[in-house]
Amino acid sequence: VVPIGSGNDFARMAGLRGLGLAES
């Protein structure tokens, strides 16, 4: 998942929030 959306709840659940784009 590369989270670029308005909600990103799945990314939050998977611990992907707050990563920079390169890291994502």
mmCIF file of all heavy atoms, coordinates in Angstrom:
data_MODEL
# 
_entry.id   MODEL 
# 
loop_
_atom_site.group_PDB 
_atom_site.id 
_atom_site.type_symbol 
_atom_site.label_atom_id 
_atom_site.label_alt_id 
_atom_site.label_comp_id 
_atom_site.label_asym_id 
_atom_site.label_entity_id 
_atom_site.label_seq_id 
_atom_site.pdbx_PDB_ins_code 
_atom_site.Cartn_x 
_atom_site.Cartn_y 
_atom_site.Cartn_z 
_atom_site.occupancy 
_atom_site.B_iso_or_equiv 
_atom_site.pdbx_formal_charge 
_atom_site.auth_seq_id 
_atom_site.auth_comp_id 
_atom_site.auth_asym_id 
_atom_site.auth_atom_id 
_atom_site.pdbx_PDB_model_num 
ATOM 1   N N   . VAL A 1 1  ? 0.839   -1.210 0.000  1.00 0.00 ? 1  VAL A N   1 
ATOM 2   C CA  . VAL A 1 1  ? 0.000   0.000  0.000  1.00 0.00 ? 1  VAL A CA  1 
ATOM 3   C C   . VAL A 1 1  ? 0.866   1.248  0.000  1.00 0.00 ? 1  VAL A C   1 
ATOM 4   O O   . VAL A 1 1  ? 1.767   1.388  0.832  1.00 0.00 ? 1  VAL A O   1 
ATOM 5   C CB  . VAL A 1 1  ? -0.935  0.031  1.234  1.00 0.00 ? 1  VAL A CB  1 
ATOM 6   C CG1 . VAL A 1 1  ? -1.740  1.332  1.278  1.00 0.00 ? 1  VAL A CG1 1 
ATOM 7   C CG2 . VAL A 1 1  ? -1.879  -1.167 1.234  1.00 0.00 ? 1  VAL A CG2 1 
ATOM 8   N N   . VAL A 1 2  ? 0.608   2.143  -0.959 1.00 0.00 ? 2  VAL A N   1 
ATOM 9   C CA  . VAL A 1 2  ? 1.215   3.474  -0.943 1.00 0.00 ? 2  VAL A CA  1 
ATOM 10  C C   . VAL A 1 2  ? 0.060   4.433  -0.654 1.00 0.00 ? 2  VAL A C   1 
ATOM 11  O O   . VAL A 1 2  ? -0.748  4.732  -1.530 1.00 0.00 ? 2  VAL A O   1 
ATOM 12  C CB  . VAL A 1 2  ? 1.900   3.817  -2.284 1.00 0.00 ? 2  VAL A CB  1 
ATOM 13  C CG1 . VAL A 1 2  ? 2.477   5.233  -2.247 1.00 0.00 ? 2  VAL A CG1 1 
ATOM 14  C CG2 . VAL A 1 2  ? 2.987   2.797  -2.609 1.00 0.00 ? 2  VAL A CG2 1 
ATOM 15  N N   . PRO A 1 3  ? -0.074  4.877  0.620  1.00 0.00 ? 3  PRO A N   1 
ATOM 16  C CA  . PRO A 1 3  ? -1.276  5.613  1.016  1.00 0.00 ? 3  PRO A CA  1 
ATOM 17  C C   . PRO A 1 3  ? -1.277  7.073  0.569  1.00 0.00 ? 3  PRO A C   1 
ATOM 18  O O   . PRO A 1 3  ? -0.613  7.912  1.155  1.00 0.00 ? 3  PRO A O   1 
ATOM 19  C CB  . PRO A 1 3  ? -1.274  5.507  2.547  1.00 0.00 ? 3  PRO A CB  1 
ATOM 20  C CG  . PRO A 1 3  ? 0.144   5.244  2.930  1.00 0.00 ? 3  PRO A CG  1 
ATOM 21  C CD  . PRO A 1 3  ? 0.861   4.681  1.743  1.00 0.00 ? 3  PRO A CD  1 
ATOM 22  N N   . ILE A 1 4  ? -2.021  7.352  -0.507 1.00 0.00 ? 4  ILE A N   1 
ATOM 23  C CA  . ILE A 1 4  ? -2.195  8.737  -0.953 1.00 0.00 ? 4  ILE A CA  1 
ATOM 24  C C   . ILE A 1 4  ? -3.692  8.927  -1.154 1.00 0.00 ? 4  ILE A C   1 
ATOM 25  O O   . ILE A 1 4  ? -4.205  8.822  -2.258 1.00 0.00 ? 4  ILE A O   1 
ATOM 26  C CB  . ILE A 1 4  ? -1.442  9.021  -2.274 1.00 0.00 ? 4  ILE A CB  1 
ATOM 27  C CG1 . ILE A 1 4  ? 0.034   8.629  -2.150 1.00 0.00 ? 4  ILE A CG1 1 
ATOM 28  C CG2 . ILE A 1 4  ? -1.574  10.491 -2.658 1.00 0.00 ? 4  ILE A CG2 1 
ATOM 29  C CD1 . ILE A 1 4  ? 0.831   8.802  -3.424 1.00 0.00 ? 4  ILE A CD1 1 
ATOM 30  N N   . GLY A 1 5  ? -4.411  9.132  -0.051 1.00 0.00 ? 5  GLY A N   1 
ATOM 31  C CA  . GLY A 1 5  ? -5.857  9.282  -0.156 1.00 0.00 ? 5  GLY A CA  1 
ATOM 32  C C   . GLY A 1 5  ? -6.333  10.239 0.899  1.00 0.00 ? 5  GLY A C   1 
ATOM 33  O O   . GLY A 1 5  ? -5.525  10.836 1.612  1.00 0.00 ? 5  GLY A O   1 
ATOM 34  N N   . SER A 1 6  ? -7.651  10.367 1.031  1.00 0.00 ? 6  SER A N   1 
ATOM 35  C CA  . SER A 1 6  ? -8.144  11.294 2.047  1.00 0.00 ? 6  SER A CA  1 
ATOM 36  C C   . SER A 1 6  ? -8.329  10.611 3.403  1.00 0.00 ? 6  SER A C   1 
ATOM 37  O O   . SER A 1 6  ? -8.289  11.256 4.427  1.00 0.00 ? 6  SER A O   1 
ATOM 38  C CB  . SER A 1 6  ? -9.432  11.982 1.572  1.00 0.00 ? 6  SER A CB  1 
ATOM 39  O OG  . SER A 1 6  ? -9.945  11.374 0.423  1.00 0.00 ? 6  SER A OG  1 
ATOM 40  N N   . GLY A 1 7  ? -8.523  9.262  3.417  1.00 0.00 ? 7  GLY A N   1 
ATOM 41  C CA  . GLY A 1 7  ? -8.770  8.585  4.688  1.00 0.00 ? 7  GLY A CA  1 
ATOM 42  C C   . GLY A 1 7  ? -7.575  7.839  5.245  1.00 0.00 ? 7  GLY A C   1 
ATOM 43  O O   . GLY A 1 7  ? -7.103  8.103  6.335  1.00 0.00 ? 7  GLY A O   1 
ATOM 44  N N   . ASN A 1 8  ? -7.075  6.872  4.480  1.00 0.00 ? 8  ASN A N   1 
ATOM 45  C CA  . ASN A 1 8  ? -5.888  6.079  4.858  1.00 0.00 ? 8  ASN A CA  1 
ATOM 46  C C   . ASN A 1 8  ? -6.025  5.316  6.178  1.00 0.00 ? 8  ASN A C   1 
ATOM 47  O O   . ASN A 1 8  ? -5.057  5.145  6.913  1.00 0.00 ? 8  ASN A O   1 
ATOM 48  C CB  . ASN A 1 8  ? -4.626  6.955  4.892  1.00 0.00 ? 8  ASN A CB  1 
ATOM 49  C CG  . ASN A 1 8  ? -4.339  7.610  3.552  1.00 0.00 ? 8  ASN A CG  1 
ATOM 50  O OD1 . ASN A 1 8  ? -4.597  7.031  2.504  1.00 0.00 ? 8  ASN A OD1 1 
ATOM 51  N ND2 . ASN A 1 8  ? -3.825  8.822  3.574  1.00 0.00 ? 8  ASN A ND2 1 
ATOM 52  N N   . ASP A 1 9  ? -7.235  4.828  6.484  1.00 0.00 ? 9  ASP A N   1 
ATOM 53  C CA  . ASP A 1 9  ? -7.418  4.049  7.713  1.00 0.00 ? 9  ASP A CA  1 
ATOM 54  C C   . ASP A 1 9  ? -6.753  2.676  7.633  1.00 0.00 ? 9  ASP A C   1 
ATOM 55  O O   . ASP A 1 9  ? -6.240  2.175  8.624  1.00 0.00 ? 9  ASP A O   1 
ATOM 56  C CB  . ASP A 1 9  ? -8.902  3.892  8.040  1.00 0.00 ? 9  ASP A CB  1 
ATOM 57  C CG  . ASP A 1 9  ? -9.490  5.176  8.605  1.00 0.00 ? 9  ASP A CG  1 
ATOM 58  O OD1 . ASP A 1 9  ? -9.082  5.560  9.715  1.00 0.00 ? 9  ASP A OD1 1 
ATOM 59  O OD2 . ASP A 1 9  ? -10.327 5.794  7.938  1.00 0.00 ? 9  ASP A OD2 1 
ATOM 60  N N   . PHE A 1 10 ? -6.747  2.075  6.441  1.00 0.00 ? 10 PHE A N   1 
ATOM 61  C CA  . PHE A 1 10 ? -6.068  0.784  6.310  1.00 0.00 ? 10 PHE A CA  1 
ATOM 62  C C   . PHE A 1 10 ? -4.566  0.952  6.550  1.00 0.00 ? 10 PHE A C   1 
ATOM 63  O O   . PHE A 1 10 ? -3.937  0.167  7.256  1.00 0.00 ? 10 PHE A O   1 
ATOM 64  C CB  . PHE A 1 10 ? -6.314  0.150  4.931  1.00 0.00 ? 10 PHE A CB  1 
ATOM 65  C CG  . PHE A 1 10 ? -5.733  -1.241 4.831  1.00 0.00 ? 10 PHE A CG  1 
ATOM 66  C CD1 . PHE A 1 10 ? -6.479  -2.345 5.189  1.00 0.00 ? 10 PHE A CD1 1 
ATOM 67  C CD2 . PHE A 1 10 ? -4.418  -1.431 4.418  1.00 0.00 ? 10 PHE A CD2 1 
ATOM 68  C CE1 . PHE A 1 10 ? -5.927  -3.632 5.146  1.00 0.00 ? 10 PHE A CE1 1 
ATOM 69  C CE2 . PHE A 1 10 ? -3.859  -2.701 4.366  1.00 0.00 ? 10 PHE A CE2 1 
ATOM 70  C CZ  . PHE A 1 10 ? -4.616  -3.803 4.729  1.00 0.00 ? 10 PHE A CZ  1 
ATOM 71  N N   . ALA A 1 11 ? -4.003  2.019  5.973  1.00 0.00 ? 11 ALA A N   1 
ATOM 72  C CA  . ALA A 1 11 ? -2.566  2.297  6.155  1.00 0.00 ? 11 ALA A CA  1 
ATOM 73  C C   . ALA A 1 11 ? -2.248  2.546  7.628  1.00 0.00 ? 11 ALA A C   1 
ATOM 74  O O   . ALA A 1 11 ? -1.223  2.089  8.143  1.00 0.00 ? 11 ALA A O   1 
ATOM 75  C CB  . ALA A 1 11 ? -2.157  3.501  5.317  1.00 0.00 ? 11 ALA A CB  1 
ATOM 76  N N   . ARG A 1 12 ? -3.154  3.228  8.319  1.00 0.00 ? 12 ARG A N   1 
ATOM 77  C CA  . ARG A 1 12 ? -2.983  3.483  9.751  1.00 0.00 ? 12 ARG A CA  1 
ATOM 78  C C   . ARG A 1 12 ? -2.947  2.137  10.496 1.00 0.00 ? 12 ARG A C   1 
ATOM 79  O O   . ARG A 1 12 ? -2.116  1.916  11.366 1.00 0.00 ? 12 ARG A O   1 
ATOM 80  C CB  . ARG A 1 12 ? -4.149  4.348  10.229 1.00 0.00 ? 12 ARG A CB  1 
ATOM 81  C CG  . ARG A 1 12 ? -3.975  4.982  11.595 1.00 0.00 ? 12 ARG A CG  1 
ATOM 82  C CD  . ARG A 1 12 ? -5.190  5.828  11.972 1.00 0.00 ? 12 ARG A CD  1 
ATOM 83  N NE  . ARG A 1 12 ? -5.069  7.220  11.554 1.00 0.00 ? 12 ARG A NE  1 
ATOM 84  C CZ  . ARG A 1 12 ? -5.713  7.763  10.521 1.00 0.00 ? 12 ARG A CZ  1 
ATOM 85  N NH1 . ARG A 1 12 ? -6.544  7.052  9.811  1.00 0.00 ? 12 ARG A NH1 1 
ATOM 86  N NH2 . ARG A 1 12 ? -5.537  9.025  10.206 1.00 0.00 ? 12 ARG A NH2 1 
ATOM 87  N N   . MET A 1 13 ? -3.857  1.245  10.138 1.00 0.00 ? 13 MET A N   1 
ATOM 88  C CA  . MET A 1 13 ? -3.938  -0.073 10.774 1.00 0.00 ? 13 MET A CA  1 
ATOM 89  C C   . MET A 1 13 ? -2.665  -0.897 10.542 1.00 0.00 ? 13 MET A C   1 
ATOM 90  O O   . MET A 1 13 ? -2.217  -1.635 11.413 1.00 0.00 ? 13 MET A O   1 
ATOM 91  C CB  . MET A 1 13 ? -5.155  -0.823 10.211 1.00 0.00 ? 13 MET A CB  1 
ATOM 92  C CG  . MET A 1 13 ? -5.326  -2.232 10.711 1.00 0.00 ? 13 MET A CG  1 
ATOM 93  S SD  . MET A 1 13 ? -6.754  -3.061 9.941  1.00 0.00 ? 13 MET A SD  1 
ATOM 94  C CE  . MET A 1 13 ? -5.948  -3.924 8.591  1.00 0.00 ? 13 MET A CE  1 
ATOM 95  N N   . ALA A 1 14 ? -2.090  -0.747 9.350  1.00 0.00 ? 14 ALA A N   1 
ATOM 96  C CA  . ALA A 1 14 ? -0.922  -1.557 8.980  1.00 0.00 ? 14 ALA A CA  1 
ATOM 97  C C   . ALA A 1 14 ? 0.404   -0.915 9.389  1.00 0.00 ? 14 ALA A C   1 
ATOM 98  O O   . ALA A 1 14 ? 1.476   -1.417 9.044  1.00 0.00 ? 14 ALA A O   1 
ATOM 99  C CB  . ALA A 1 14 ? -0.943  -1.816 7.473  1.00 0.00 ? 14 ALA A CB  1 
ATOM 100 N N   . GLY A 1 15 ? 0.331   0.221  10.119 1.00 0.00 ? 15 GLY A N   1 
ATOM 101 C CA  . GLY A 1 15 ? 1.561   0.877  10.577 1.00 0.00 ? 15 GLY A CA  1 
ATOM 102 C C   . GLY A 1 15 ? 2.309   1.606  9.481  1.00 0.00 ? 15 GLY A C   1 
ATOM 103 O O   . GLY A 1 15 ? 3.531   1.766  9.532  1.00 0.00 ? 15 GLY A O   1 
ATOM 104 N N   . LEU A 1 16 ? 1.576   2.057  8.457  1.00 0.00 ? 16 LEU A N   1 
ATOM 105 C CA  . LEU A 1 16 ? 2.211   2.720  7.308  1.00 0.00 ? 16 LEU A CA  1 
ATOM 106 C C   . LEU A 1 16 ? 2.068   4.232  7.339  1.00 0.00 ? 16 LEU A C   1 
ATOM 107 O O   . LEU A 1 16 ? 2.529   4.923  6.440  1.00 0.00 ? 16 LEU A O   1 
ATOM 108 C CB  . LEU A 1 16 ? 1.583   2.201  6.000  1.00 0.00 ? 16 LEU A CB  1 
ATOM 109 C CG  . LEU A 1 16 ? 1.628   0.690  5.780  1.00 0.00 ? 16 LEU A CG  1 
ATOM 110 C CD1 . LEU A 1 16 ? 0.787   0.305  4.571  1.00 0.00 ? 16 LEU A CD1 1 
ATOM 111 C CD2 . LEU A 1 16 ? 3.055   0.207  5.613  1.00 0.00 ? 16 LEU A CD2 1 
ATOM 112 N N   . ARG A 1 17 ? 1.386   4.751  8.363  1.00 0.00 ? 17 ARG A N   1 
ATOM 113 C CA  . ARG A 1 17 ? 1.183   6.199  8.428  1.00 0.00 ? 17 ARG A CA  1 
ATOM 114 C C   . ARG A 1 17 ? 2.471   6.883  8.864  1.00 0.00 ? 17 ARG A C   1 
ATOM 115 O O   . ARG A 1 17 ? 3.253   6.334  9.646  1.00 0.00 ? 17 ARG A O   1 
ATOM 116 C CB  . ARG A 1 17 ? 0.092   6.519  9.448  1.00 0.00 ? 17 ARG A CB  1 
ATOM 117 C CG  . ARG A 1 17 ? -1.264  6.065  9.009  1.00 0.00 ? 17 ARG A CG  1 
ATOM 118 C CD  . ARG A 1 17 ? -1.998  7.109  8.237  1.00 0.00 ? 17 ARG A CD  1 
ATOM 119 N NE  . ARG A 1 17 ? -2.134  8.331  9.000  1.00 0.00 ? 17 ARG A NE  1 
ATOM 120 C CZ  . ARG A 1 17 ? -2.635  9.450  8.528  1.00 0.00 ? 17 ARG A CZ  1 
ATOM 121 N NH1 . ARG A 1 17 ? -3.044  9.504  7.292  1.00 0.00 ? 17 ARG A NH1 1 
ATOM 122 N NH2 . ARG A 1 17 ? -2.720  10.522 9.275  1.00 0.00 ? 17 ARG A NH2 1 
ATOM 123 N N   . GLY A 1 18 ? 2.692   8.090  8.337  1.00 0.00 ? 18 GLY A N   1 
ATOM 124 C CA  . GLY A 1 18 ? 3.836   8.871  8.784  1.00 0.00 ? 18 GLY A CA  1 
ATOM 125 C C   . GLY A 1 18 ? 5.148   8.475  8.131  1.00 0.00 ? 18 GLY A C   1 
ATOM 126 O O   . GLY A 1 18 ? 6.186   9.053  8.424  1.00 0.00 ? 18 GLY A O   1 
ATOM 127 N N   . LEU A 1 19 ? 5.125   7.472  7.240  1.00 0.00 ? 19 LEU A N   1 
ATOM 128 C CA  . LEU A 1 19 ? 6.352   7.166  6.475  1.00 0.00 ? 19 LEU A CA  1 
ATOM 129 C C   . LEU A 1 19 ? 6.440   8.206  5.368  1.00 0.00 ? 19 LEU A C   1 
ATOM 130 O O   . LEU A 1 19 ? 5.419   8.589  4.798  1.00 0.00 ? 19 LEU A O   1 
ATOM 131 C CB  . LEU A 1 19 ? 6.264   5.771  5.836  1.00 0.00 ? 19 LEU A CB  1 
ATOM 132 C CG  . LEU A 1 19 ? 5.995   4.559  6.740  1.00 0.00 ? 19 LEU A CG  1 
ATOM 133 C CD1 . LEU A 1 19 ? 5.911   3.295  5.880  1.00 0.00 ? 19 LEU A CD1 1 
ATOM 134 C CD2 . LEU A 1 19 ? 7.078   4.400  7.779  1.00 0.00 ? 19 LEU A CD2 1 
ATOM 135 N N   . GLY A 1 20 ? 7.634   8.650  5.034  1.00 0.00 ? 20 GLY A N   1 
ATOM 136 C CA  . GLY A 1 20 ? 7.779   9.539  3.880  1.00 0.00 ? 20 GLY A CA  1 
ATOM 137 C C   . GLY A 1 20 ? 7.472   8.752  2.610  1.00 0.00 ? 20 GLY A C   1 
ATOM 138 O O   . GLY A 1 20 ? 7.392   7.522  2.639  1.00 0.00 ? 20 GLY A O   1 
ATOM 139 N N   . LEU A 1 21 ? 7.320   9.450  1.485  1.00 0.00 ? 21 LEU A N   1 
ATOM 140 C CA  . LEU A 1 21 ? 6.965   8.774  0.234  1.00 0.00 ? 21 LEU A CA  1 
ATOM 141 C C   . LEU A 1 21 ? 8.002   7.723  -0.158 1.00 0.00 ? 21 LEU A C   1 
ATOM 142 O O   . LEU A 1 21 ? 7.650   6.579  -0.476 1.00 0.00 ? 21 LEU A O   1 
ATOM 143 C CB  . LEU A 1 21 ? 6.762   9.792  -0.890 1.00 0.00 ? 21 LEU A CB  1 
ATOM 144 C CG  . LEU A 1 21 ? 6.275   9.186  -2.217 1.00 0.00 ? 21 LEU A CG  1 
ATOM 145 C CD1 . LEU A 1 21 ? 4.917   8.504  -2.053 1.00 0.00 ? 21 LEU A CD1 1 
ATOM 146 C CD2 . LEU A 1 21 ? 6.183   10.243 -3.311 1.00 0.00 ? 21 LEU A CD2 1 
ATOM 147 N N   . ALA A 1 22 ? 9.281   8.073  -0.099 1.00 0.00 ? 22 ALA A N   1 
ATOM 148 C CA  . ALA A 1 22 ? 10.336  7.129  -0.507 1.00 0.00 ? 22 ALA A CA  1 
ATOM 149 C C   . ALA A 1 22 ? 10.266  5.847  0.328  1.00 0.00 ? 22 ALA A C   1 
ATOM 150 O O   . ALA A 1 22 ? 10.357  4.733  -0.192 1.00 0.00 ? 22 ALA A O   1 
ATOM 151 C CB  . ALA A 1 22 ? 11.714  7.779  -0.368 1.00 0.00 ? 22 ALA A CB  1 
ATOM 152 N N   . GLU A 1 23 ? 10.076  6.015  1.644  1.00 0.00 ? 23 GLU A N   1 
ATOM 153 C CA  . GLU A 1 23 ? 9.992   4.866  2.552  1.00 0.00 ? 23 GLU A CA  1 
ATOM 154 C C   . GLU A 1 23 ? 8.734   4.040  2.269  1.00 0.00 ? 23 GLU A C   1 
ATOM 155 O O   . GLU A 1 23 ? 8.775   2.809  2.258  1.00 0.00 ? 23 GLU A O   1 
ATOM 156 C CB  . GLU A 1 23 ? 10.012  5.373  3.999  1.00 0.00 ? 23 GLU A CB  1 
ATOM 157 C CG  . GLU A 1 23 ? 9.973   4.305  5.076  1.00 0.00 ? 23 GLU A CG  1 
ATOM 158 C CD  . GLU A 1 23 ? 11.208  3.409  5.134  1.00 0.00 ? 23 GLU A CD  1 
ATOM 159 O OE1 . GLU A 1 23 ? 12.151  3.585  4.326  1.00 0.00 ? 23 GLU A OE1 1 
ATOM 160 O OE2 . GLU A 1 23 ? 11.213  2.522  6.002  1.00 0.00 ? 23 GLU A OE2 1 
ATOM 161 N N   . SER A 1 24 ? 7.618   4.718  2.001  1.00 0.00 ? 24 SER A N   1 
ATOM 162 C CA  . SER A 1 24 ? 6.364   4.037  1.645  1.00 0.00 ? 24 SER A CA  1 
ATOM 163 C C   . SER A 1 24 ? 6.551   3.131  0.433  1.00 0.00 ? 24 SER A C   1 
ATOM 164 O O   . SER A 1 24 ? 6.078   1.995  0.419  1.00 0.00 ? 24 SER A O   1 
ATOM 165 C CB  . SER A 1 24 ? 5.277   5.048  1.281  1.00 0.00 ? 24 SER A CB  1 
ATOM 166 O OG  . SER A 1 24 ? 4.688   5.568  2.429  1.00 0.00 ? 24 SER A OG  1 
# 
